[in-house]
C-alpha atoms as a PDB file:
ATOM      1  CA  UNK A   1      24.471  30.284  -8.444  1.00  0.00           C
ATOM      2  CA  UNK A   2      21.327  31.798  -6.958  1.00  0.00           C
ATOM      3  CA  UNK A   3      18.248  29.875  -5.709  1.00  0.00           C
ATOM      4  CA  UNK A   4      16.142  30.177  -9.033  1.00  0.00           C
ATOM      5  CA  UNK A   5      19.004  28.807 -11.115  1.00  0.00           C
ATOM      6  CA  UNK A   6      19.437  25.821  -8.586  1.00  0.00           C
ATOM      7  CA  UNK A   7      15.549  25.104  -8.643  1.00  0.00           C
ATOM      8  CA  UNK A   8      15.589  25.316 -12.458  1.00  0.00           C
ATOM      9  CA  UNK A   9      18.485  22.717 -12.754  1.00  0.00           C
ATOM     10  CA  UNK A  10      16.848  20.538 -10.166  1.00  0.00           C
ATOM     11  CA  UNK A  11      13.541  20.372 -11.971  1.00  0.00           C
ATOM     12  CA  UNK A  12      15.260  19.761 -15.293  1.00  0.00           C
ATOM     13  CA  UNK A  13      17.014  16.868 -13.640  1.00  0.00           C
ATOM     14  CA  UNK A  14      13.641  15.494 -12.370  1.00  0.00           C
ATOM     15  CA  UNK A  15      12.088  15.814 -15.618  1.00  0.00           C
ATOM     16  CA  UNK A  16      14.924  13.863 -17.436  1.00  0.00           C
ATOM     17  CA  UNK A  17      14.859  11.063 -14.799  1.00  0.00           C
ATOM     18  CA  UNK A  18      10.905  10.881 -14.980  1.00  0.00           C
ATOM     19  CA  UNK A  19      11.284  10.290 -18.714  1.00  0.00           C
ATOM     20  CA  UNK A  20      13.603   7.384 -18.293  1.00  0.00           C
ATOM     21  CA  UNK A  21      11.004   5.551 -15.950  1.00  0.00           C
ATOM     22  CA  UNK A  22       9.250   2.547 -17.447  1.00  0.00           C
ATOM     23  CA  UNK A  23       5.560   3.449 -16.611  1.00  0.00           C
ATOM     24  CA  UNK A  24       3.139   0.575 -16.513  1.00  0.00           C
ATOM     25  CA  UNK A  25       0.350   0.366 -18.845  1.00  0.00           C
ATOM     26  CA  UNK A  26      -3.360   1.013 -17.767  1.00  0.00           C
ATOM     27  CA  UNK A  27      -4.011  -2.746 -17.784  1.00  0.00           C
ATOM     28  CA  UNK A  28      -1.140  -3.510 -15.434  1.00  0.00           C
ATOM     29  CA  UNK A  29      -2.177  -0.806 -13.061  1.00  0.00           C
ATOM     30  CA  UNK A  30      -5.732  -2.189 -13.042  1.00  0.00           C
ATOM     31  CA  UNK A  31      -4.180  -5.652 -12.498  1.00  0.00           C
ATOM     32  CA  UNK A  32      -2.187  -4.581  -9.560  1.00  0.00           C
ATOM     33  CA  UNK A  33      -4.599  -2.392  -8.045  1.00  0.00           C
ATOM     34  CA  UNK A  34      -7.258  -5.326  -7.970  1.00  0.00           C
ATOM     35  CA  UNK A  35      -4.494  -7.672  -6.676  1.00  0.00           C
ATOM     36  CA  UNK A  36      -3.742  -5.188  -3.793  1.00  0.00           C
ATOM     37  CA  UNK A  37      -7.463  -4.793  -3.033  1.00  0.00           C
ATOM     38  CA  UNK A  38      -8.019  -8.451  -3.036  1.00  0.00           C
ATOM     39  CA  UNK A  39      -5.082  -9.505  -0.760  1.00  0.00           C
ATOM     40  CA  UNK A  40      -6.094  -6.582   1.558  1.00  0.00           C
ATOM     41  CA  UNK A  41      -9.591  -7.966   1.845  1.00  0.00           C
ATOM     42  CA  UNK A  42      -8.451 -11.505   2.417  1.00  0.00           C
ATOM     43  CA  UNK A  43      -6.009 -10.469   4.929  1.00  0.00           C
ATOM     44  CA  UNK A  44      -8.666  -8.345   6.838  1.00  0.00           C
ATOM     45  CA  UNK A  45     -11.076 -11.370   6.796  1.00  0.00           C
ATOM     46  CA  UNK A  46      -8.251 -13.720   8.075  1.00  0.00           C
ATOM     47  CA  UNK A  47      -7.323 -11.279  10.916  1.00  0.00           C
ATOM     48  CA  UNK A  48     -10.972 -10.530  11.667  1.00  0.00           C
ATOM     49  CA  UNK A  49     -11.579 -14.248  12.066  1.00  0.00           C
ATOM     50  CA  UNK A  50      -8.287 -14.700  14.330  1.00  0.00           C
ATOM     51  CA  UNK A  51      -9.678 -11.781  16.539  1.00  0.00           C
ATOM     52  CA  UNK A  52     -13.064 -13.203  16.852  1.00  0.00           C
ATOM     53  CA  UNK A  53     -11.434 -16.655  17.633  1.00  0.00           C
ATOM     54  CA  UNK A  54      -9.217 -15.282  20.277  1.00  0.00           C
ATOM     55  CA  UNK A  55     -11.936 -12.972  21.645  1.00  0.00           C
ATOM     56  CA  UNK A  56     -14.305 -16.080  22.061  1.00  0.00           C
ATOM     57  CA  UNK A  57     -11.608 -18.191  23.678  1.00  0.00           C
ATOM     58  CA  UNK A  58     -10.791 -15.519  26.036  1.00  0.00           C
ATOM     59  CA  UNK A  59     -14.358 -14.807  26.881  1.00  0.00           C
ATOM     60  CA  UNK A  60     -14.969 -18.542  27.834  1.00  0.00           C
ATOM     61  CA  UNK A  61     -11.812 -18.723  29.885  1.00  0.00           C
ATOM     62  CA  UNK A  62     -12.801 -15.535  31.764  1.00  0.00           C
ATOM     63  CA  UNK A  63     -16.457 -16.455  32.327  1.00  0.00           C
ATOM     64  CA  UNK A  64     -15.614 -20.031  33.536  1.00  0.00           C
ATOM     65  CA  UNK A  65     -13.734 -18.426  36.424  1.00  0.00           C
END
């Protein structure tokens, strides 16, 4: 079996498997995308706040000595 036949068979298999996938609707994609963006933003704010708090505390400790 030459390389072209193997590649063709592989791509046919990929196409058949892709047709079996239960693809999400546009509404689901939008909902999940907004959820990921919202959680990422909330996590960034939280981690930024924790970083600011620790930086402030360490600066107070260092400057007092």
